[in-house]
Amino acid sequence: MEQGWDPQISRFFVRIINALAWTLIWMIAAATFGFYIGLAFPERFPLWVCMIYYVSVAAALFMLIRYLARLRRLR
């Protein structure tokens, strides 16, 4: 009897792990810069700094969604 996993199943699980990992990295980075450093709060930094933070988080989310959609289309 053959041991190990089917290569297609293995590639599928690698895609799932990559999607979860990049999503968690995005969430941790956004929370760290926003809450821990305080870029999400206009009281601590000038408004233009907060706007740059929000625009960059939105752009990173857009790129993450594009990556996940492209990853889903690959077979």
PDB file of N, CA and C in Angstrom:
ATOM      1  N   MET A   1       0.834  -1.167   0.000  1.00  0.00           N
ATOM      2  CA  MET A   1       0.000   0.000   0.000  1.00  0.00           C
ATOM      3  C   MET A   1       0.892   1.248   0.000  1.00  0.00           C
ATOM      4  N   GLU A   2       0.503   2.253  -0.752  1.00  0.00           N
ATOM      5  CA  GLU A   2       1.278   3.472  -0.894  1.00  0.00           C
ATOM      6  C   GLU A   2       1.132   4.350   0.345  1.00  0.00           C
ATOM      7  N   GLN A   3       2.248   4.923   0.768  1.00  0.00           N
ATOM      8  CA  GLN A   3       2.210   5.804   1.926  1.00  0.00           C
ATOM      9  C   GLN A   3       2.275   7.252   1.469  1.00  0.00           C
ATOM     10  N   GLY A   4       1.826   8.140   2.322  1.00  0.00           N
ATOM     11  CA  GLY A   4       1.856   9.564   2.005  1.00  0.00           C
ATOM     12  C   GLY A   4       0.536  10.037   1.429  1.00  0.00           C
ATOM     13  N   TRP A   5       0.516  11.307   1.095  1.00  0.00           N
ATOM     14  CA  TRP A   5      -0.687  11.915   0.561  1.00  0.00           C
ATOM     15  C   TRP A   5      -0.588  12.052  -0.944  1.00  0.00           C
ATOM     16  N   ASP A   6      -1.737  12.160  -1.540  1.00  0.00           N
ATOM     17  CA  ASP A   6      -1.813  12.444  -2.964  1.00  0.00           C
ATOM     18  C   ASP A   6      -1.215  13.839  -3.204  1.00  0.00           C
ATOM     19  N   PRO A   7      -0.427  14.031  -4.247  1.00  0.00           N
ATOM     20  CA  PRO A   7       0.191  15.353  -4.475  1.00  0.00           C
ATOM     21  C   PRO A   7      -0.827  16.483  -4.634  1.00  0.00           C
ATOM     22  N   GLN A   8      -1.972  16.202  -5.217  1.00  0.00           N
ATOM     23  CA  GLN A   8      -2.989  17.239  -5.368  1.00  0.00           C
ATOM     24  C   GLN A   8      -3.541  17.672  -4.013  1.00  0.00           C
ATOM     25  N   ILE A   9      -3.769  16.714  -3.128  1.00  0.00           N
ATOM     26  CA  ILE A   9      -4.264  17.039  -1.795  1.00  0.00           C
ATOM     27  C   ILE A   9      -3.220  17.844  -1.034  1.00  0.00           C
ATOM     28  N   SER A  10      -1.975  17.472  -1.172  1.00  0.00           N
ATOM     29  CA  SER A  10      -0.898  18.192  -0.501  1.00  0.00           C
ATOM     30  C   SER A  10      -0.819  19.640  -0.993  1.00  0.00           C
ATOM     31  N   ARG A  11      -0.909  19.860  -2.305  1.00  0.00           N
ATOM     32  CA  ARG A  11      -0.887  21.218  -2.855  1.00  0.00           C
ATOM     33  C   ARG A  11      -2.092  22.025  -2.379  1.00  0.00           C
ATOM     34  N   PHE A  12      -3.251  21.358  -2.279  1.00  0.00           N
ATOM     35  CA  PHE A  12      -4.460  22.023  -1.811  1.00  0.00           C
ATOM     36  C   PHE A  12      -4.296  22.500  -0.368  1.00  0.00           C
ATOM     37  N   PHE A  13      -3.737  21.663   0.490  1.00  0.00           N
ATOM     38  CA  PHE A  13      -3.526  22.050   1.882  1.00  0.00           C
ATOM     39  C   PHE A  13      -2.475  23.151   2.010  1.00  0.00           C
ATOM     40  N   VAL A  14      -1.475  23.141   1.162  1.00  0.00           N
ATOM     41  CA  VAL A  14      -0.472  24.208   1.170  1.00  0.00           C
ATOM     42  C   VAL A  14      -1.131  25.532   0.791  1.00  0.00           C
ATOM     43  N   ARG A  15      -2.037  25.518  -0.179  1.00  0.00           N
ATOM     44  CA  ARG A  15      -2.764  26.731  -0.549  1.00  0.00           C
ATOM     45  C   ARG A  15      -3.617  27.238   0.598  1.00  0.00           C
ATOM     46  N   ILE A  16      -4.269  26.340   1.322  1.00  0.00           N
ATOM     47  CA  ILE A  16      -5.080  26.743   2.469  1.00  0.00           C
ATOM     48  C   ILE A  16      -4.207  27.370   3.552  1.00  0.00           C
ATOM     49  N   ILE A  17      -3.087  26.744   3.850  1.00  0.00           N
ATOM     50  CA  ILE A  17      -2.186  27.267   4.880  1.00  0.00           C
ATOM     51  C   ILE A  17      -1.623  28.625   4.465  1.00  0.00           C
ATOM     52  N   ASN A  18      -1.260  28.784   3.199  1.00  0.00           N
ATOM     53  CA  ASN A  18      -0.756  30.076   2.721  1.00  0.00           C
ATOM     54  C   ASN A  18      -1.820  31.166   2.840  1.00  0.00           C
ATOM     55  N   ALA A  19      -3.051  30.847   2.490  1.00  0.00           N
ATOM     56  CA  ALA A  19      -4.131  31.830   2.592  1.00  0.00           C
ATOM     57  C   ALA A  19      -4.348  32.241   4.046  1.00  0.00           C
ATOM     58  N   LEU A  20      -4.377  31.293   4.947  1.00  0.00           N
ATOM     59  CA  LEU A  20      -4.541  31.618   6.361  1.00  0.00           C
ATOM     60  C   LEU A  20      -3.358  32.425   6.893  1.00  0.00           C
ATOM     61  N   ALA A  21      -2.167  32.055   6.501  1.00  0.00           N
ATOM     62  CA  ALA A  21      -0.976  32.735   7.000  1.00  0.00           C
ATOM     63  C   ALA A  21      -0.948  34.196   6.540  1.00  0.00           C
ATOM     64  N   TRP A  22      -1.199  34.453   5.268  1.00  0.00           N
ATOM     65  CA  TRP A  22      -1.154  35.833   4.779  1.00  0.00           C
ATOM     66  C   TRP A  22      -2.278  36.666   5.373  1.00  0.00           C
ATOM     67  N   THR A  23      -3.444  36.058   5.600  1.00  0.00           N
ATOM     68  CA  THR A  23      -4.542  36.790   6.237  1.00  0.00           C
ATOM     69  C   THR A  23      -4.183  37.155   7.672  1.00  0.00           C
ATOM     70  N   LEU A  24      -3.591  36.225   8.404  1.00  0.00           N
ATOM     71  CA  LEU A  24      -3.181  36.516   9.777  1.00  0.00           C
ATOM     72  C   LEU A  24      -2.070  37.562   9.823  1.00  0.00           C
ATOM     73  N   ILE A  25      -1.132  37.496   8.892  1.00  0.00           N
ATOM     74  CA  ILE A  25      -0.066  38.499   8.849  1.00  0.00           C
ATOM     75  C   ILE A  25      -0.654  39.888   8.609  1.00  0.00           C
ATOM     76  N   TRP A  26      -1.624  39.997   7.700  1.00  0.00           N
ATOM     77  CA  TRP A  26      -2.260  41.281   7.441  1.00  0.00           C
ATOM     78  C   TRP A  26      -2.986  41.786   8.680  1.00  0.00           C
ATOM     79  N   MET A  27      -3.739  40.910   9.345  1.00  0.00           N
ATOM     80  CA  MET A  27      -4.489  41.309  10.530  1.00  0.00           C
ATOM     81  C   MET A  27      -3.564  41.742  11.666  1.00  0.00           C
ATOM     82  N   ILE A  28      -2.498  40.993  11.894  1.00  0.00           N
ATOM     83  CA  ILE A  28      -1.571  41.329  12.976  1.00  0.00           C
ATOM     84  C   ILE A  28      -0.853  42.646  12.678  1.00  0.00           C
ATOM     85  N   ALA A  29      -0.441  42.843  11.434  1.00  0.00           N
ATOM     86  CA  ALA A  29       0.237  44.089  11.076  1.00  0.00           C
ATOM     87  C   ALA A  29      -0.700  45.288  11.220  1.00  0.00           C
ATOM     88  N   ALA A  30      -1.939  45.164  10.758  1.00  0.00           N
ATOM     89  CA  ALA A  30      -2.890  46.272  10.859  1.00  0.00           C
ATOM     90  C   ALA A  30      -3.199  46.583  12.320  1.00  0.00           C
ATOM     91  N   ALA A  31      -3.387  45.555  13.137  1.00  0.00           N
ATOM     92  CA  ALA A  31      -3.674  45.783  14.549  1.00  0.00           C
ATOM     93  C   ALA A  31      -2.471  46.346  15.289  1.00  0.00           C
ATOM     94  N   THR A  32      -1.285  45.876  14.960  1.00  0.00           N
ATOM     95  CA  THR A  32      -0.085  46.365  15.636  1.00  0.00           C
ATOM     96  C   THR A  32       0.142  47.840  15.349  1.00  0.00           C
ATOM     97  N   PHE A  33       0.125  48.210  14.085  1.00  0.00           N
ATOM     98  CA  PHE A  33       0.360  49.606  13.743  1.00  0.00           C
ATOM     99  C   PHE A  33      -0.809  50.494  14.149  1.00  0.00           C
ATOM    100  N   GLY A  34      -2.023  49.955  14.097  1.00  0.00           N
ATOM    101  CA  GLY A  34      -3.181  50.772  14.424  1.00  0.00           C
ATOM    102  C   GLY A  34      -3.408  50.958  15.902  1.00  0.00           C
ATOM    103  N   PHE A  35      -3.389  49.879  16.665  1.00  0.00           N
ATOM    104  CA  PHE A  35      -3.727  49.962  18.078  1.00  0.00           C
ATOM    105  C   PHE A  35      -2.498  50.103  18.981  1.00  0.00           C
ATOM    106  N   TYR A  36      -1.493  49.288  18.744  1.00  0.00           N
ATOM    107  CA  TYR A  36      -0.335  49.300  19.631  1.00  0.00           C
ATOM    108  C   TYR A  36       0.492  50.578  19.463  1.00  0.00           C
ATOM    109  N   ILE A  37       0.792  50.921  18.230  1.00  0.00           N
ATOM    110  CA  ILE A  37       1.562  52.138  17.970  1.00  0.00           C
ATOM    111  C   ILE A  37       0.653  53.367  18.055  1.00  0.00           C
ATOM    112  N   GLY A  38      -0.619  53.192  17.716  1.00  0.00           N
ATOM    113  CA  GLY A  38      -1.585  54.275  17.862  1.00  0.00           C
ATOM    114  C   GLY A  38      -1.887  55.051  16.608  1.00  0.00           C
ATOM    115  N   LEU A  39      -1.545  54.517  15.444  1.00  0.00           N
ATOM    116  CA  LEU A  39      -1.804  55.246  14.198  1.00  0.00           C
ATOM    117  C   LEU A  39      -3.290  55.350  13.873  1.00  0.00           C
ATOM    118  N   ALA A  40      -4.124  54.543  14.471  1.00  0.00           N
ATOM    119  CA  ALA A  40      -5.556  54.571  14.181  1.00  0.00           C
ATOM    120  C   ALA A  40      -6.285  55.671  14.941  1.00  0.00           C
ATOM    121  N   PHE A  41      -5.613  56.316  15.871  1.00  0.00           N
ATOM    122  CA  PHE A  41      -6.254  57.308  16.723  1.00  0.00           C
ATOM    123  C   PHE A  41      -5.756  58.708  16.385  1.00  0.00           C
ATOM    124  N   PRO A  42      -6.640  59.580  15.924  1.00  0.00           N
ATOM    125  CA  PRO A  42      -6.202  60.929  15.542  1.00  0.00           C
ATOM    126  C   PRO A  42      -5.726  61.786  16.719  1.00  0.00           C
ATOM    127  N   GLU A  43      -6.045  61.391  17.966  1.00  0.00           N
ATOM    128  CA  GLU A  43      -5.590  62.185  19.103  1.00  0.00           C
ATOM    129  C   GLU A  43      -4.082  62.088  19.302  1.00  0.00           C
ATOM    130  N   ARG A  44      -3.495  60.965  18.920  1.00  0.00           N
ATOM    131  CA  ARG A  44      -2.074  60.736  19.172  1.00  0.00           C
ATOM    132  C   ARG A  44      -1.175  61.217  18.036  1.00  0.00           C
ATOM    133  N   PHE A  45      -1.695  61.227  16.822  1.00  0.00           N
ATOM    134  CA  PHE A  45      -0.920  61.632  15.652  1.00  0.00           C
ATOM    135  C   PHE A  45      -1.735  62.638  14.846  1.00  0.00           C
ATOM    136  N   PRO A  46      -1.090  63.404  13.979  1.00  0.00           N
ATOM    137  CA  PRO A  46      -1.849  64.307  13.110  1.00  0.00           C
ATOM    138  C   PRO A  46      -2.807  63.519  12.204  1.00  0.00           C
ATOM    139  N   LEU A  47      -3.831  64.202  11.752  1.00  0.00           N
ATOM    140  CA  LEU A  47      -4.864  63.543  10.949  1.00  0.00           C
ATOM    141  C   LEU A  47      -4.301  62.959   9.662  1.00  0.00           C
ATOM    142  N   TRP A  48      -3.345  63.633   9.037  1.00  0.00           N
ATOM    143  CA  TRP A  48      -2.803  63.129   7.777  1.00  0.00           C
ATOM    144  C   TRP A  48      -2.055  61.816   7.983  1.00  0.00           C
ATOM    145  N   VAL A  49      -1.433  61.613   9.145  1.00  0.00           N
ATOM    146  CA  VAL A  49      -0.749  60.351   9.433  1.00  0.00           C
ATOM    147  C   VAL A  49      -1.777  59.229   9.565  1.00  0.00           C
ATOM    148  N   CYS A  50      -2.882  59.525  10.244  1.00  0.00           N
ATOM    149  CA  CYS A  50      -3.953  58.521  10.385  1.00  0.00           C
ATOM    150  C   CYS A  50      -4.561  58.171   9.031  1.00  0.00           C
ATOM    151  N   MET A  51      -4.731  59.174   8.169  1.00  0.00           N
ATOM    152  CA  MET A  51      -5.296  58.919   6.846  1.00  0.00           C
ATOM    153  C   MET A  51      -4.353  58.047   6.018  1.00  0.00           C
ATOM    154  N   ILE A  52      -3.055  58.301   6.111  1.00  0.00           N
ATOM    155  CA  ILE A  52      -2.098  57.451   5.396  1.00  0.00           C
ATOM    156  C   ILE A  52      -2.182  56.024   5.913  1.00  0.00           C
ATOM    157  N   TYR A  53      -2.321  55.869   7.230  1.00  0.00           N
ATOM    158  CA  TYR A  53      -2.461  54.524   7.807  1.00  0.00           C
ATOM    159  C   TYR A  53      -3.704  53.821   7.258  1.00  0.00           C
ATOM    160  N   TYR A  54      -4.849  54.513   7.287  1.00  0.00           N
ATOM    161  CA  TYR A  54      -6.088  53.889   6.820  1.00  0.00           C
ATOM    162  C   TYR A  54      -6.043  53.558   5.329  1.00  0.00           C
ATOM    163  N   VAL A  55      -5.466  54.434   4.530  1.00  0.00           N
ATOM    164  CA  VAL A  55      -5.354  54.172   3.091  1.00  0.00           C
ATOM    165  C   VAL A  55      -4.435  52.979   2.839  1.00  0.00           C
ATOM    166  N   SER A  56      -3.334  52.905   3.577  1.00  0.00           N
ATOM    167  CA  SER A  56      -2.414  51.777   3.378  1.00  0.00           C
ATOM    168  C   SER A  56      -3.034  50.453   3.846  1.00  0.00           C
ATOM    169  N   VAL A  57      -3.807  50.480   4.922  1.00  0.00           N
ATOM    170  CA  VAL A  57      -4.480  49.251   5.368  1.00  0.00           C
ATOM    171  C   VAL A  57      -5.521  48.815   4.338  1.00  0.00           C
ATOM    172  N   ALA A  58      -6.267  49.775   3.794  1.00  0.00           N
ATOM    173  CA  ALA A  58      -7.256  49.434   2.770  1.00  0.00           C
ATOM    174  C   ALA A  58      -6.586  48.901   1.501  1.00  0.00           C
ATOM    175  N   ALA A  59      -5.467  49.503   1.107  1.00  0.00           N
ATOM    176  CA  ALA A  59      -4.744  49.020  -0.078  1.00  0.00           C
ATOM    177  C   ALA A  59      -4.178  47.626   0.161  1.00  0.00           C
ATOM    178  N   ALA A  60      -3.657  47.393   1.346  1.00  0.00           N
ATOM    179  CA  ALA A  60      -3.137  46.055   1.663  1.00  0.00           C
ATOM    180  C   ALA A  60      -4.257  45.026   1.687  1.00  0.00           C
ATOM    181  N   LEU A  61      -5.433  45.416   2.193  1.00  0.00           N
ATOM    182  CA  LEU A  61      -6.577  44.499   2.171  1.00  0.00           C
ATOM    183  C   LEU A  61      -7.001  44.186   0.747  1.00  0.00           C
ATOM    184  N   PHE A  62      -7.013  45.188  -0.110  1.00  0.00           N
ATOM    185  CA  PHE A  62      -7.355  44.965  -1.517  1.00  0.00           C
ATOM    186  C   PHE A  62      -6.372  43.994  -2.175  1.00  0.00           C
ATOM    187  N   MET A  63      -5.073  44.196  -1.906  1.00  0.00           N
ATOM    188  CA  MET A  63      -4.072  43.293  -2.488  1.00  0.00           C
ATOM    189  C   MET A  63      -4.204  41.880  -1.923  1.00  0.00           C
ATOM    190  N   LEU A  64      -4.544  41.757  -0.641  1.00  0.00           N
ATOM    191  CA  LEU A  64      -4.752  40.445  -0.043  1.00  0.00           C
ATOM    192  C   LEU A  64      -5.944  39.737  -0.687  1.00  0.00           C
ATOM    193  N   ILE A  65      -7.023  40.459  -0.899  1.00  0.00           N
ATOM    194  CA  ILE A  65      -8.207  39.861  -1.541  1.00  0.00           C
ATOM    195  C   ILE A  65      -7.890  39.442  -2.966  1.00  0.00           C
ATOM    196  N   ARG A  66      -7.122  40.271  -3.697  1.00  0.00           N
ATOM    197  CA  ARG A  66      -6.709  39.885  -5.055  1.00  0.00           C
ATOM    198  C   ARG A  66      -5.864  38.620  -5.038  1.00  0.00           C
ATOM    199  N   TYR A  67      -4.941  38.538  -4.081  1.00  0.00           N
ATOM    200  CA  TYR A  67      -4.092  37.353  -3.959  1.00  0.00           C
ATOM    201  C   TYR A  67      -4.935  36.116  -3.650  1.00  0.00           C
ATOM    202  N   LEU A  68      -5.884  36.246  -2.734  1.00  0.00           N
ATOM    203  CA  LEU A  68      -6.719  35.108  -2.375  1.00  0.00           C
ATOM    204  C   LEU A  68      -7.615  34.682  -3.537  1.00  0.00           C
ATOM    205  N   ALA A  69      -8.118  35.637  -4.299  1.00  0.00           N
ATOM    206  CA  ALA A  69      -8.934  35.301  -5.462  1.00  0.00           C
ATOM    207  C   ALA A  69      -8.103  34.597  -6.523  1.00  0.00           C
ATOM    208  N   ARG A  70      -6.878  35.083  -6.737  1.00  0.00           N
ATOM    209  CA  ARG A  70      -5.987  34.439  -7.719  1.00  0.00           C
ATOM    210  C   ARG A  70      -5.608  33.042  -7.251  1.00  0.00           C
ATOM    211  N   LEU A  71      -5.388  32.893  -5.970  1.00  0.00           N
ATOM    212  CA  LEU A  71      -5.041  31.595  -5.397  1.00  0.00           C
ATOM    213  C   LEU A  71      -6.198  30.610  -5.553  1.00  0.00           C
ATOM    214  N   ARG A  72      -7.420  31.121  -5.438  1.00  0.00           N
ATOM    215  CA  ARG A  72      -8.582  30.253  -5.578  1.00  0.00           C
ATOM    216  C   ARG A  72      -8.775  29.777  -7.016  1.00  0.00           C
ATOM    217  N   ARG A  73      -8.446  30.667  -7.984  1.00  0.00           N
ATOM    218  CA  ARG A  73      -8.626  30.298  -9.392  1.00  0.00           C
ATOM    219  C   ARG A  73      -7.628  29.253  -9.853  1.00  0.00           C
ATOM    220  N   LEU A  74      -6.441  29.237  -9.226  1.00  0.00           N
ATOM    221  CA  LEU A  74      -5.422  28.242  -9.625  1.00  0.00           C
ATOM    222  C   LEU A  74      -5.908  26.843  -9.271  1.00  0.00           C
ATOM    223  N   ARG A  75      -5.634  25.932 -10.139  1.00  0.00           N
ATOM    224  CA  ARG A  75      -6.056  24.550  -9.860  1.00  0.00           C
ATOM    225  C   ARG A  75      -4.906  23.620  -9.961  1.00  0.00           C
TER     226      ARG A  75
END
